Amino acid sequence: MKRTCAKSEMVSNSFLVFLLASLFILSLSVMSFELILTRMFSIILWYNYAFMAISVAFFGLGIGALLVHLVKNKMKREELPKKIAQSTIAFAVSLPIFLFVIGHIIPPSISFIYLFFLASSIPFFFAGLSMALIYLAMPSQITKLYFIDMAGASAATLVLDPLIRGLGAESALLLIGVFGTLPPIIAYAYFLYNRKQKEISDRFIIEKKPAFYGFVVLCVSAVLLAANSHFNILAIQSGDSKGLRYLLANPAGYSDASTKWNSFSRIDVVKHTSDISKTGFRDLASILIDADALTPILKWNGSFSDREWLKGYMDYMPYEMSKMNHSSTLVIGSGGGEDILVALSAGSKNVTAVELNPLIVAAVKQYGGSSAGNLYNRKDVQLSIDDGRRFISSTKMKYDTIVIKLVDSWAAQLAGGYALSENYLYTVEAFKQYLNHLNGVNGKLVMVRWSTALPRLIPLVVEALREYEKETVHQQDISKQILIVEDSPGLTFGPNPQRTLYPVILVIKNSPFTASELALIKERVNKSDAKVIAIPGGYVQPPYDRLLSGSGNNSNNIDQRQRYQEIEQLSYDPQRLGFELKPPY
């Protein structure tokens, strides 16, 4: 009797170890797959669809678990190890198939979004089956199982970043498929060893067939992983509306130089192969974040003699306005180094560059030396790999000029829920922090944004200036501190017949603009294809004139709030954004 109880206890312990190992691997794999989906959706679709990875995961896991619940009374306990092994193998097999389907079968278009979501839910379905079967197999050990489940998911968050940086998203997904084959193989090997030692009864058996299938899938997945690592045979394609696809469609002018992944972006470097002397553009290469948001690497030999061409950039205008007051510059989102180059060329003695993504900095350094001025290795450039808002919150330094130019990666953070939250570089509190870090009375905050963002941006700027003036006990007309000029694409003064969206330079001073500064602005605007949206003491484009009129500190707060709301509504006007609504919308 005692011997039978000992054997039964050994079987239960062995079975529990098998369940815990299987659940840990499954949980790690499922969480990794879910996080990788946020990256892939950002490349194929758009960043705001990345949060759907969470919903797709819930859907697939829930359907799998529901199916087990419906048929649980028909299953025998001794069959559970075999069914767990089969479902984990099915999960492993579904991953490379999923990768092939989204990369080579479904067209990379938002029109087929439902197919992407359906294909993504299938691996989660098999994972849901496996997990439900594991919990069903030993409900008395629910505490241990749940702990291992959480431990596996936590481990995924730790290992994913080095995996995706070292292998890329596609190969990391194939490696997850390799992991999924391990539970039945290890369990069968463990059974054979203990059976040889005669230490276990025949009641806990992972059959040879599931283990054999698992071994075959393991070998195939390993071969696919090796092949993809060397030849990118399962590489996903960027969406048909992405900037990367547009550039590579012109092989005479552009060539794909490199692709790197990390846990929150994919960075593509596209080399410009056209003759600079013929095109007039000084771009050596373009760095694209998640296949769309672009930051250029500009040709510069590092000398001040090779800088005359920069004076045509409208970014250069704020430095011209006060030539002796830009010795220190803070660049938030320095990217390919364009803003650093403009600041150095204008005479800035100390440039602090803040860039969140180390892959972008690495890409720029590859073009260093004589080609691109070796920007990130210069003594007068201080690089900080950090979030811009966190950096400005933690530093006590003050700057003559703070530059924030098109800092929009259009990429979801690792947790897809962040995709719908507001970029907190552009909030009232953020603008107040920028103003508090300006030097003296002639400090400037220089921003470049697309014209479509103005209805949301200008109310924030006005509110921040009002609060800043109150806190610093200043009594100034804030309309004399705001300059907004709109120009054609390319961020240079001059005509562009292909323009559709317009970049806007917004300069905010912590003191009123001087007469000489305004004269320079008017001269530059009159000579170019630019227009004034708001200039101190002059024209203010409707409806912003209502916002800046009566802008003293004693203006009625209720009236101002109503004006803010009316102007912000323009941000959601589809016709203004270039969209055509059709019935029934």
Protein backbone atom coordinates (compact mmCIF):
# COMPACT_ATOMS: atom_id res chain seq x y z
CA MET A 1 0.00 0.00 0.00
CA LYS A 2 2.83 2.39 0.93
CA ARG A 3 4.68 1.51 -2.27
CA THR A 4 1.56 2.31 -4.36
CA CYS A 5 1.17 5.69 -2.61
CA ALA A 6 4.85 6.48 -3.21
CA LYS A 7 4.50 5.70 -6.94
CA SER A 8 1.32 7.79 -7.13
CA GLU A 9 3.07 10.71 -5.44
CA MET A 10 6.00 10.37 -7.86
CA VAL A 11 3.63 10.43 -10.81
CA SER A 12 1.92 13.57 -9.47
CA ASN A 13 5.24 15.31 -8.86
CA SER A 14 6.54 14.41 -12.33
CA PHE A 15 3.29 15.52 -13.94
CA LEU A 16 3.40 18.82 -12.01
CA VAL A 17 6.96 19.49 -13.16
CA PHE A 18 5.86 18.85 -16.76
CA LEU A 19 2.90 21.23 -16.36
CA LEU A 20 4.99 23.96 -14.73
CA ALA A 21 7.69 23.76 -17.42
CA SER A 22 5.11 23.78 -20.21
CA LEU A 23 3.22 26.72 -18.72
CA PHE A 24 6.38 28.75 -18.17
CA ILE A 25 7.48 28.28 -21.79
CA LEU A 26 3.99 28.99 -23.10
CA SER A 27 3.57 32.13 -21.02
CA LEU A 28 6.98 33.43 -22.08
CA SER A 29 6.20 32.67 -25.74
CA VAL A 30 2.72 34.20 -25.69
CA MET A 31 3.87 37.44 -24.07
CA SER A 32 6.82 37.71 -26.46
CA PHE A 33 4.53 37.10 -29.44
CA GLU A 34 2.11 39.75 -28.23
CA LEU A 35 4.86 42.34 -27.82
CA ILE A 36 6.41 41.50 -31.19
CA LEU A 37 2.98 42.01 -32.76
CA THR A 38 3.02 45.66 -31.65
CA ARG A 39 6.23 46.10 -33.65
CA MET A 40 4.93 44.29 -36.72
CA PHE A 41 1.60 46.12 -36.77
CA SER A 42 3.51 49.42 -36.61
CA ILE A 43 5.47 48.46 -39.74
CA ILE A 44 2.68 46.92 -41.81
CA LEU A 45 -0.21 49.11 -40.66
CA TRP A 46 0.11 52.23 -38.49
CA TYR A 47 1.24 52.71 -34.92
CA ASN A 48 -2.28 53.32 -33.62
CA TYR A 49 -3.30 49.81 -34.68
CA ALA A 50 -0.55 48.27 -32.57
CA PHE A 51 -2.71 48.32 -29.44
CA MET A 52 -4.96 45.78 -31.18
CA ALA A 53 -2.33 43.15 -30.30
CA ILE A 54 -3.79 43.15 -26.80
CA SER A 55 -7.34 42.63 -28.06
CA VAL A 56 -6.24 39.94 -30.52
CA ALA A 57 -4.41 38.12 -27.71
CA PHE A 58 -7.48 38.21 -25.46
CA PHE A 59 -9.66 37.01 -28.31
CA GLY A 60 -7.47 34.05 -29.30
CA LEU A 61 -6.66 32.96 -25.76
CA GLY A 62 -10.29 33.30 -24.73
CA ILE A 63 -11.64 31.21 -27.62
CA GLY A 64 -9.09 28.48 -26.93
CA ALA A 65 -9.91 28.38 -23.23
CA LEU A 66 -13.66 28.44 -23.94
CA LEU A 67 -13.35 25.41 -26.22
CA VAL A 68 -11.60 23.45 -23.46
CA HIS A 69 -14.31 24.45 -21.02
CA LEU A 70 -17.04 23.17 -23.36
CA VAL A 71 -15.46 19.73 -23.87
CA LYS A 72 -13.74 19.20 -20.52
CA ASN A 73 -16.30 16.62 -19.33
CA LYS A 74 -15.52 14.42 -22.34
CA MET A 75 -11.76 14.28 -21.68
CA LYS A 76 -10.00 11.68 -19.56
CA ARG A 77 -7.27 12.78 -17.18
CA GLU A 78 -4.74 10.32 -18.58
CA GLU A 79 -5.18 11.89 -22.04
CA LEU A 80 -4.29 15.39 -20.86
CA PRO A 81 -0.46 15.07 -21.20
CA LYS A 82 -0.86 14.00 -24.82
CA LYS A 83 -3.33 16.81 -25.60
CA ILE A 84 -1.13 19.40 -23.92
CA ALA A 85 1.82 18.23 -26.00
CA GLN A 86 -0.24 18.36 -29.20
CA SER A 87 -1.57 21.86 -28.58
CA THR A 88 1.87 23.26 -27.70
CA ILE A 89 3.26 21.79 -30.92
CA ALA A 90 0.35 23.34 -32.83
CA PHE A 91 1.23 26.70 -31.26
CA ALA A 92 4.86 26.29 -32.34
CA VAL A 93 3.84 25.36 -35.90
CA SER A 94 1.42 28.29 -36.20
CA LEU A 95 4.11 30.93 -35.60
CA PRO A 96 6.22 30.49 -38.78
CA ILE A 97 3.01 29.96 -40.77
CA PHE A 98 1.66 33.23 -39.36
CA LEU A 99 4.89 34.99 -40.28
CA PHE A 100 4.72 33.68 -43.84
CA VAL A 101 1.05 34.65 -44.20
CA ILE A 102 1.44 38.27 -43.04
CA GLY A 103 4.70 38.72 -44.92
CA HIS A 104 3.89 37.08 -48.26
CA ILE A 105 0.17 36.29 -48.54
CA ILE A 106 -1.84 39.19 -47.13
CA PRO A 107 -1.18 42.46 -49.03
CA PRO A 108 0.48 45.00 -46.69
CA SER A 109 -2.48 47.35 -46.75
CA ILE A 110 -4.82 48.67 -44.11
CA SER A 111 -7.67 47.52 -46.35
CA PHE A 112 -6.92 43.95 -45.21
CA ILE A 113 -6.66 44.77 -41.53
CA TYR A 114 -9.26 42.16 -40.57
CA LEU A 115 -7.10 39.43 -42.16
CA PHE A 116 -4.09 40.53 -40.13
CA PHE A 117 -6.10 40.37 -36.93
CA LEU A 118 -7.57 36.97 -37.82
CA ALA A 119 -4.17 35.49 -38.72
CA SER A 120 -2.70 36.89 -35.49
CA SER A 121 -5.38 35.29 -33.34
CA ILE A 122 -4.65 31.71 -34.48
CA PRO A 123 -1.38 31.22 -32.51
CA PHE A 124 -3.11 32.69 -29.46
CA PHE A 125 -5.94 30.21 -29.97
CA PHE A 126 -3.57 27.22 -29.68
CA ALA A 127 -1.82 28.84 -26.73
CA GLY A 128 -5.20 29.29 -25.04
CA LEU A 129 -5.96 25.60 -25.59
CA SER A 130 -2.65 24.59 -24.03
CA MET A 131 -2.95 26.85 -21.02
CA ALA A 132 -6.54 25.83 -20.29
CA LEU A 133 -5.56 22.15 -20.50
CA ILE A 134 -2.68 22.73 -18.09
CA TYR A 135 -4.91 24.40 -15.52
CA LEU A 136 -7.53 21.68 -16.02
CA ALA A 137 -4.97 18.92 -15.49
CA MET A 138 -4.09 19.88 -11.93
CA PRO A 139 -6.50 22.42 -10.41
CA SER A 140 -5.29 21.56 -6.90
CA GLN A 141 -1.98 23.28 -7.74
CA ILE A 142 -3.54 26.46 -9.09
CA THR A 143 -1.33 28.70 -6.93
CA LYS A 144 1.91 27.24 -8.27
CA LEU A 145 0.61 27.22 -11.82
CA TYR A 146 -0.47 30.84 -11.65
CA PHE A 147 2.87 31.86 -10.17
CA ILE A 148 4.75 30.15 -13.01
CA ASP A 149 2.38 31.75 -15.51
CA MET A 150 3.28 35.22 -14.21
CA ALA A 151 6.97 34.32 -14.02
CA GLY A 152 6.99 33.29 -17.69
CA ALA A 153 5.33 36.54 -18.77
CA SER A 154 7.78 38.55 -16.68
CA ALA A 155 10.72 36.68 -18.18
CA ALA A 156 9.47 37.63 -21.66
CA THR A 157 9.76 41.34 -20.85
CA LEU A 158 13.38 40.78 -19.80
CA VAL A 159 14.57 38.65 -22.71
CA LEU A 160 12.61 40.24 -25.57
CA ASP A 161 14.75 43.36 -26.00
CA PRO A 162 18.10 41.53 -26.38
CA LEU A 163 16.40 38.90 -28.58
CA ILE A 164 14.79 41.39 -30.93
CA ARG A 165 17.95 43.52 -31.11
CA GLY A 166 20.14 40.53 -31.83
CA LEU A 167 17.86 38.62 -34.19
CA GLY A 168 15.20 41.03 -35.46
CA ALA A 169 11.46 40.64 -34.94
CA GLU A 170 11.00 37.90 -37.54
CA SER A 171 13.80 35.66 -36.28
CA ALA A 172 12.81 36.29 -32.67
CA LEU A 173 9.34 35.02 -33.53
CA LEU A 174 10.83 31.88 -35.10
CA LEU A 175 12.89 31.33 -31.96
CA ILE A 176 9.69 31.46 -29.92
CA GLY A 177 8.41 28.65 -32.17
CA VAL A 178 11.50 26.65 -31.23
CA PHE A 179 10.69 27.17 -27.55
CA GLY A 180 7.15 25.87 -28.09
CA THR A 181 8.41 22.44 -29.18
CA LEU A 182 10.44 21.83 -26.04
CA PRO A 183 7.82 20.65 -23.47
CA PRO A 184 6.82 17.34 -25.14
CA ILE A 185 10.44 16.53 -26.09
CA ILE A 186 11.80 17.18 -22.60
CA ALA A 187 8.90 15.32 -20.97
CA TYR A 188 9.39 12.24 -23.17
CA ALA A 189 13.14 12.24 -22.51
CA TYR A 190 12.44 12.57 -18.78
CA PHE A 191 9.98 9.66 -18.94
CA LEU A 192 12.47 7.42 -20.76
CA TYR A 193 15.17 8.17 -18.22
CA ASN A 194 12.96 7.44 -15.22
CA ARG A 195 11.50 4.33 -16.84
CA LYS A 196 15.01 3.00 -17.37
CA GLN A 197 15.69 3.63 -13.70
CA LYS A 198 12.36 1.97 -12.85
CA GLU A 199 11.40 4.92 -10.70
CA ILE A 200 8.10 5.79 -12.31
CA SER A 201 4.95 3.95 -13.27
CA ASP A 202 3.46 3.86 -16.77
CA ARG A 203 0.55 6.11 -15.90
CA PHE A 204 2.34 9.39 -16.75
CA ILE A 205 3.40 8.94 -20.34
CA ILE A 206 4.17 11.48 -23.06
CA GLU A 207 3.75 9.24 -26.05
CA LYS A 208 6.49 8.81 -28.61
CA LYS A 209 4.44 10.23 -31.51
CA PRO A 210 3.87 13.76 -30.06
CA ALA A 211 7.50 13.89 -28.98
CA PHE A 212 8.61 12.84 -32.46
CA TYR A 213 6.42 15.51 -34.07
CA GLY A 214 7.82 18.03 -31.64
CA PHE A 215 11.36 17.07 -32.61
CA VAL A 216 10.53 17.42 -36.32
CA VAL A 217 8.99 20.86 -35.75
CA LEU A 218 12.01 21.81 -33.67
CA CYS A 219 14.37 20.90 -36.52
CA VAL A 220 12.28 22.69 -39.15
CA SER A 221 11.97 25.81 -36.96
CA ALA A 222 15.71 25.81 -36.34
CA VAL A 223 16.42 25.58 -40.09
CA LEU A 224 13.96 28.41 -40.79
CA LEU A 225 15.57 30.49 -38.06
CA ALA A 226 19.04 30.00 -39.53
CA ALA A 227 17.85 30.71 -43.08
CA ASN A 228 15.96 33.84 -42.08
CA SER A 229 18.89 35.14 -40.05
CA HIS A 230 21.10 34.99 -43.13
CA PHE A 231 18.71 35.61 -46.04
CA ASN A 232 15.60 37.30 -44.56
CA ILE A 233 13.30 34.85 -46.32
CA LEU A 234 10.40 35.64 -43.97
CA ALA A 235 10.97 39.39 -43.62
CA ILE A 236 7.75 41.38 -43.29
CA GLN A 237 7.08 44.18 -45.76
CA SER A 238 6.26 47.75 -44.88
CA GLY A 239 2.71 48.96 -45.54
CA ASP A 240 1.84 50.27 -48.98
CA SER A 241 1.19 53.75 -47.56
CA LYS A 242 4.51 53.94 -45.71
CA GLY A 243 7.35 56.28 -46.67
CA LEU A 244 9.87 53.43 -46.85
CA ARG A 245 7.93 51.74 -49.63
CA TYR A 246 7.77 55.03 -51.53
CA LEU A 247 11.54 55.54 -51.33
CA LEU A 248 12.51 52.01 -52.30
CA ALA A 249 10.14 52.17 -55.28
CA ASN A 250 12.78 54.45 -56.82
CA PRO A 251 15.92 52.26 -56.99
CA ALA A 252 17.71 54.86 -59.09
CA GLY A 253 17.65 57.30 -56.18
CA TYR A 254 17.56 55.13 -53.07
CA SER A 255 18.89 51.81 -51.85
CA ASP A 256 18.13 49.90 -48.65
CA ALA A 257 21.29 49.99 -46.54
CA SER A 258 20.32 48.33 -43.25
CA THR A 259 17.46 47.33 -40.96
CA LYS A 260 17.70 47.12 -37.18
CA TRP A 261 15.09 46.33 -34.53
CA ASN A 262 14.73 47.03 -30.86
CA SER A 263 11.85 46.63 -28.45
CA PHE A 264 10.13 49.88 -29.45
CA SER A 265 11.00 50.53 -33.09
CA ARG A 266 12.41 49.33 -36.38
CA ILE A 267 15.08 51.55 -37.88
CA ASP A 268 15.69 51.43 -41.63
CA VAL A 269 18.58 53.31 -43.18
CA VAL A 270 18.02 54.17 -46.84
CA LYS A 271 21.07 55.39 -48.74
CA HIS A 272 20.64 58.19 -51.29
CA THR A 273 22.29 57.14 -54.54
CA SER A 274 21.40 60.20 -56.66
CA ASP A 275 23.99 62.87 -57.49
CA ILE A 276 23.88 65.68 -54.94
CA SER A 277 25.19 68.19 -57.49
CA LYS A 278 22.18 67.49 -59.73
CA THR A 279 19.40 67.23 -57.15
CA GLY A 280 20.54 70.03 -54.85
CA PHE A 281 19.69 67.91 -51.78
CA ARG A 282 22.51 67.16 -49.35
CA ASP A 283 20.99 64.01 -47.89
CA LEU A 284 23.48 61.14 -47.60
CA ALA A 285 20.84 58.84 -46.19
CA SER A 286 17.44 58.80 -44.55
CA ILE A 287 16.67 57.08 -41.26
CA LEU A 288 13.07 55.85 -41.11
CA ILE A 289 11.40 54.93 -37.84
CA ASP A 290 8.82 52.18 -38.23
CA ALA A 291 9.06 52.57 -42.02
CA ASP A 292 7.70 56.12 -42.07
CA ALA A 293 8.89 58.89 -39.74
CA LEU A 294 12.04 60.20 -41.41
CA THR A 295 15.14 61.94 -40.15
CA PRO A 296 17.94 62.77 -42.62
CA ILE A 297 21.70 62.39 -42.40
CA LEU A 298 23.12 65.44 -44.19
CA LYS A 299 26.41 65.75 -46.04
CA TRP A 300 28.82 68.09 -44.22
CA ASN A 301 32.60 68.02 -44.17
CA GLY A 302 32.79 69.49 -40.67
CA SER A 303 34.14 72.90 -41.68
CA PHE A 304 32.36 76.21 -41.27
CA SER A 305 33.04 77.05 -44.89
CA ASP A 306 30.70 74.23 -45.90
CA ARG A 307 27.62 75.73 -44.32
CA GLU A 308 26.28 78.43 -46.62
CA TRP A 309 23.59 76.12 -47.95
CA LEU A 310 22.10 75.86 -44.45
CA LYS A 311 21.09 79.51 -44.48
CA GLY A 312 18.24 78.62 -46.80
CA TYR A 313 16.66 76.45 -44.10
CA MET A 314 13.87 78.14 -42.21
CA ASP A 315 15.31 76.41 -39.11
CA TYR A 316 18.24 78.82 -39.45
CA MET A 317 16.07 81.93 -39.10
CA PRO A 318 15.75 81.89 -35.26
CA TYR A 319 19.55 81.94 -34.97
CA GLU A 320 19.78 84.88 -37.39
CA MET A 321 17.35 86.91 -35.31
CA SER A 322 19.81 87.19 -32.42
CA LYS A 323 23.24 86.18 -33.64
CA MET A 324 24.96 86.72 -30.31
CA ASN A 325 22.48 84.80 -28.18
CA HIS A 326 22.65 81.12 -29.06
CA SER A 327 25.88 79.91 -27.46
CA SER A 328 24.06 76.97 -25.84
CA THR A 329 21.41 74.91 -27.61
CA LEU A 330 19.29 71.99 -26.48
CA VAL A 331 18.01 69.72 -29.26
CA ILE A 332 15.24 67.35 -28.19
CA GLY A 333 14.92 64.46 -30.62
CA SER A 334 18.22 65.03 -32.43
CA GLY A 335 17.69 62.10 -34.81
CA GLY A 336 19.99 62.15 -37.84
CA GLY A 337 21.68 65.33 -36.60
CA GLU A 338 20.08 67.95 -38.84
CA ASP A 339 19.22 70.27 -35.93
CA ILE A 340 22.68 69.81 -34.41
CA LEU A 341 24.25 70.78 -37.72
CA VAL A 342 22.10 73.92 -38.01
CA ALA A 343 22.97 74.98 -34.44
CA LEU A 344 26.71 74.43 -34.94
CA SER A 345 26.67 76.24 -38.27
CA ALA A 346 24.92 79.21 -36.65
CA GLY A 347 27.73 79.47 -34.11
CA SER A 348 26.40 77.56 -31.10
CA LYS A 349 29.34 76.72 -28.83
CA ASN A 350 27.64 73.97 -26.86
CA VAL A 351 24.91 71.69 -28.20
CA THR A 352 23.12 69.19 -25.95
CA ALA A 353 21.49 66.49 -28.07
CA VAL A 354 18.81 64.30 -26.52
CA GLU A 355 17.83 61.21 -28.52
CA LEU A 356 15.70 58.35 -27.21
CA ASN A 357 16.65 55.67 -29.73
CA PRO A 358 20.27 54.39 -29.62
CA LEU A 359 19.80 52.71 -33.01
CA ILE A 360 19.43 56.12 -34.64
CA VAL A 361 22.65 57.37 -33.06
CA ALA A 362 24.46 54.21 -34.20
CA ALA A 363 23.19 54.73 -37.76
CA VAL A 364 24.46 58.34 -37.80
CA LYS A 365 27.88 57.29 -36.52
CA GLN A 366 28.22 54.87 -39.42
CA TYR A 367 28.23 57.91 -41.71
CA GLY A 368 30.68 59.86 -39.54
CA GLY A 369 34.09 61.16 -40.50
CA SER A 370 34.29 63.49 -43.47
CA SER A 371 30.88 62.55 -44.88
CA ALA A 372 28.53 63.80 -42.17
CA GLY A 373 30.71 65.89 -39.89
CA ASN A 374 31.02 63.21 -37.20
CA LEU A 375 28.29 65.06 -35.32
CA TYR A 376 27.81 62.78 -32.34
CA ASN A 377 31.54 62.53 -31.63
CA ARG A 378 32.31 66.26 -31.52
CA LYS A 379 33.54 67.90 -28.31
CA ASP A 380 30.96 70.66 -28.60
CA VAL A 381 28.08 68.15 -28.80
CA GLN A 382 26.93 66.43 -25.61
CA LEU A 383 24.81 63.37 -26.34
CA SER A 384 22.23 61.99 -23.93
CA ILE A 385 20.28 58.81 -24.73
CA ASP A 386 17.12 59.73 -22.90
CA ASP A 387 13.49 60.73 -23.23
CA GLY A 388 13.24 64.45 -23.92
CA ARG A 389 10.65 65.23 -21.27
CA ARG A 390 12.46 63.21 -18.62
CA PHE A 391 15.71 64.96 -19.48
CA ILE A 392 14.26 68.47 -19.25
CA SER A 393 12.62 67.55 -15.93
CA SER A 394 15.88 66.35 -14.40
CA THR A 395 18.39 68.95 -15.59
CA LYS A 396 19.06 72.35 -14.02
CA MET A 397 20.84 73.70 -17.09
CA LYS A 398 19.48 76.67 -19.00
CA TYR A 399 19.79 77.18 -22.75
CA ASP A 400 19.67 80.08 -25.16
CA THR A 401 17.72 77.99 -27.67
CA ILE A 402 15.63 74.85 -27.26
CA VAL A 403 14.77 73.05 -30.51
CA ILE A 404 12.02 70.45 -30.96
CA LYS A 405 11.61 69.56 -34.62
CA LEU A 406 9.00 67.06 -35.80
CA VAL A 407 9.52 64.78 -32.81
CA ASP A 408 6.86 62.28 -33.78
CA SER A 409 8.01 58.73 -34.34
CA TRP A 410 4.43 57.62 -35.09
CA ALA A 411 5.41 54.42 -33.30
CA ALA A 412 3.63 52.64 -30.47
CA GLN A 413 5.40 52.01 -27.24
CA LEU A 414 5.95 48.42 -26.13
CA ALA A 415 2.58 48.35 -24.41
CA GLY A 416 0.04 48.99 -27.12
CA GLY A 417 -2.24 50.98 -24.84
CA TYR A 418 0.19 53.92 -25.04
CA ALA A 419 -0.50 54.23 -28.75
CA LEU A 420 -3.61 56.31 -28.11
CA SER A 421 -2.20 58.57 -25.41
CA GLU A 422 -1.01 62.10 -26.14
CA ASN A 423 2.66 62.78 -26.80
CA TYR A 424 3.65 64.42 -23.56
CA LEU A 425 6.33 66.55 -25.19
CA TYR A 426 3.40 68.75 -26.25
CA THR A 427 1.49 69.63 -23.09
CA VAL A 428 1.01 72.80 -21.07
CA GLU A 429 3.28 71.47 -18.33
CA ALA A 430 5.97 70.56 -20.89
CA PHE A 431 5.94 74.04 -22.47
CA LYS A 432 6.26 75.63 -19.05
CA GLN A 433 9.30 73.47 -18.38
CA TYR A 434 10.87 74.53 -21.69
CA LEU A 435 10.27 78.20 -20.87
CA ASN A 436 11.79 77.76 -17.40
CA HIS A 437 14.94 76.33 -18.98
CA LEU A 438 15.50 79.29 -21.32
CA ASN A 439 18.45 81.55 -20.60
CA GLY A 440 18.14 85.27 -19.86
CA VAL A 441 15.42 87.38 -21.41
CA ASN A 442 16.02 86.43 -25.05
CA GLY A 443 15.73 82.67 -24.88
CA LYS A 444 13.81 80.97 -27.67
CA LEU A 445 11.81 77.78 -27.93
CA VAL A 446 11.88 76.72 -31.60
CA MET A 447 9.44 74.10 -32.81
CA VAL A 448 8.74 72.68 -36.25
CA ARG A 449 5.39 70.94 -36.64
CA TRP A 450 3.05 70.06 -39.49
CA SER A 451 0.32 72.62 -40.12
CA THR A 452 -2.38 70.06 -39.27
CA ALA A 453 -1.15 70.06 -35.65
CA LEU A 454 -1.60 73.81 -35.11
CA PRO A 455 -5.23 73.77 -33.88
CA ARG A 456 -4.15 71.51 -31.05
CA LEU A 457 -0.72 73.05 -30.50
CA ILE A 458 -1.47 76.79 -30.37
CA PRO A 459 -4.02 76.63 -27.50
CA LEU A 460 -1.48 74.64 -25.48
CA VAL A 461 1.24 77.20 -26.16
CA VAL A 462 -1.02 80.14 -25.26
CA GLU A 463 -2.17 78.50 -22.04
CA ALA A 464 1.42 77.63 -21.07
CA LEU A 465 2.57 81.22 -21.69
CA ARG A 466 -0.29 82.59 -19.59
CA GLU A 467 0.56 80.34 -16.67
CA TYR A 468 4.29 81.02 -17.07
CA GLU A 469 3.73 84.78 -16.99
CA LYS A 470 1.60 84.48 -13.85
CA GLU A 471 4.16 82.31 -12.07
CA THR A 472 7.05 84.63 -12.98
CA VAL A 473 4.99 87.73 -12.07
CA HIS A 474 5.43 89.18 -15.55
CA GLN A 475 2.77 91.41 -17.04
CA GLN A 476 3.37 91.02 -20.77
CA ASP A 477 1.18 90.69 -23.82
CA ILE A 478 1.91 87.12 -24.86
CA SER A 479 0.86 87.82 -28.45
CA LYS A 480 4.20 89.67 -28.75
CA GLN A 481 6.09 86.50 -27.82
CA ILE A 482 4.71 84.11 -30.49
CA LEU A 483 5.82 83.84 -34.11
CA ILE A 484 4.34 81.26 -36.51
CA VAL A 485 5.46 80.94 -40.14
CA GLU A 486 4.30 78.27 -42.59
CA ASP A 487 6.49 76.97 -45.42
CA SER A 488 6.46 74.27 -48.09
CA PRO A 489 7.78 70.72 -47.49
CA GLY A 490 11.51 70.21 -47.30
CA LEU A 491 11.86 72.64 -44.38
CA THR A 492 13.52 75.21 -46.61
CA PHE A 493 12.28 78.56 -47.81
CA GLY A 494 11.29 78.25 -51.44
CA PRO A 495 8.63 76.78 -53.76
CA ASN A 496 7.80 73.09 -53.97
CA PRO A 497 5.20 72.12 -56.59
CA GLN A 498 4.54 68.73 -54.97
CA ARG A 499 3.62 70.07 -51.54
CA THR A 500 0.60 68.63 -49.79
CA LEU A 501 1.32 69.08 -46.10
CA TYR A 502 3.11 72.13 -44.76
CA PRO A 503 5.74 72.37 -42.04
CA VAL A 504 5.34 75.28 -39.67
CA ILE A 505 8.03 76.93 -37.58
CA LEU A 506 6.82 78.23 -34.23
CA VAL A 507 9.16 80.45 -32.21
CA ILE A 508 8.27 81.32 -28.62
CA LYS A 509 10.37 83.86 -26.75
CA ASN A 510 10.39 84.47 -23.04
CA SER A 511 10.27 88.19 -23.87
CA PRO A 512 8.68 90.27 -26.67
CA PHE A 513 10.24 90.16 -30.13
CA THR A 514 12.35 93.22 -30.93
CA ALA A 515 11.85 95.51 -33.92
CA SER A 516 15.06 94.26 -35.58
CA GLU A 517 13.96 90.64 -35.19
CA LEU A 518 10.58 91.36 -36.73
CA ALA A 519 12.22 93.18 -39.63
CA LEU A 520 14.39 90.15 -40.38
CA ILE A 521 11.39 87.82 -40.25
CA LYS A 522 9.40 89.96 -42.67
CA GLU A 523 12.36 90.18 -45.06
CA ARG A 524 12.79 86.39 -45.10
CA VAL A 525 9.08 85.75 -45.58
CA ASN A 526 8.75 88.27 -48.41
CA LYS A 527 11.59 86.63 -50.35
CA SER A 528 10.20 83.12 -50.08
CA ASP A 529 7.17 80.94 -50.60
CA ALA A 530 6.15 81.27 -46.96
CA LYS A 531 3.26 82.88 -45.18
CA VAL A 532 2.75 84.37 -41.77
CA ILE A 533 0.22 82.72 -39.48
CA ALA A 534 1.01 84.92 -36.49
CA ILE A 535 3.54 87.72 -36.10
CA PRO A 536 3.82 90.03 -33.06
CA GLY A 537 2.15 93.38 -33.64
CA GLY A 538 0.90 92.28 -37.05
CA TYR A 539 -1.28 89.79 -38.85
CA VAL A 540 -2.76 86.79 -37.02
CA GLN A 541 -4.58 84.20 -39.12
CA PRO A 542 -8.16 83.37 -38.09
CA PRO A 543 -9.27 81.68 -35.89
CA TYR A 544 -6.06 82.16 -33.91
CA ASP A 545 -6.64 85.92 -33.84
CA ARG A 546 -9.51 85.28 -31.42
CA LEU A 547 -7.20 83.30 -29.18
CA LEU A 548 -4.45 85.93 -29.10
CA SER A 549 -6.72 88.97 -28.92
CA GLY A 550 -7.10 90.36 -25.44
CA SER A 551 -4.25 88.14 -24.35
CA GLY A 552 -3.34 89.97 -21.21
CA ASN A 553 -3.28 88.14 -17.93
CA ASN A 554 -6.61 89.61 -16.85
CA SER A 555 -8.61 88.17 -19.74
CA ASN A 556 -11.73 86.17 -18.95
CA ASN A 557 -10.79 82.53 -18.35
CA ILE A 558 -14.21 81.23 -19.42
CA ASP A 559 -14.02 83.04 -22.76
CA GLN A 560 -10.51 81.71 -23.30
CA ARG A 561 -11.58 78.13 -22.61
CA GLN A 562 -14.37 78.44 -25.16
CA ARG A 563 -11.91 79.74 -27.74
CA TYR A 564 -9.54 76.85 -27.01
CA GLN A 565 -12.30 74.32 -27.57
CA GLU A 566 -13.45 75.91 -30.82
CA ILE A 567 -9.94 75.96 -32.26
CA GLU A 568 -9.10 72.45 -31.11
CA GLN A 569 -12.12 71.16 -33.00
CA LEU A 570 -10.21 71.95 -36.20
CA SER A 571 -7.78 69.17 -35.29
CA TYR A 572 -10.58 66.68 -35.93
CA ASP A 573 -11.89 68.23 -39.13
CA PRO A 574 -11.36 65.47 -41.74
CA GLN A 575 -11.58 67.82 -44.71
CA ARG A 576 -8.92 70.06 -43.22
CA LEU A 577 -6.69 67.01 -42.75
CA GLY A 578 -7.15 66.02 -46.36
CA PHE A 579 -9.64 63.19 -45.93
CA GLU A 580 -12.79 62.82 -47.97
CA LEU A 581 -15.76 61.45 -46.08
CA LYS A 582 -18.19 59.25 -47.98
CA PRO A 583 -21.68 58.03 -46.99
CA PRO A 584 -22.71 56.87 -44.45
CA TYR A 585 -19.92 58.66 -42.56
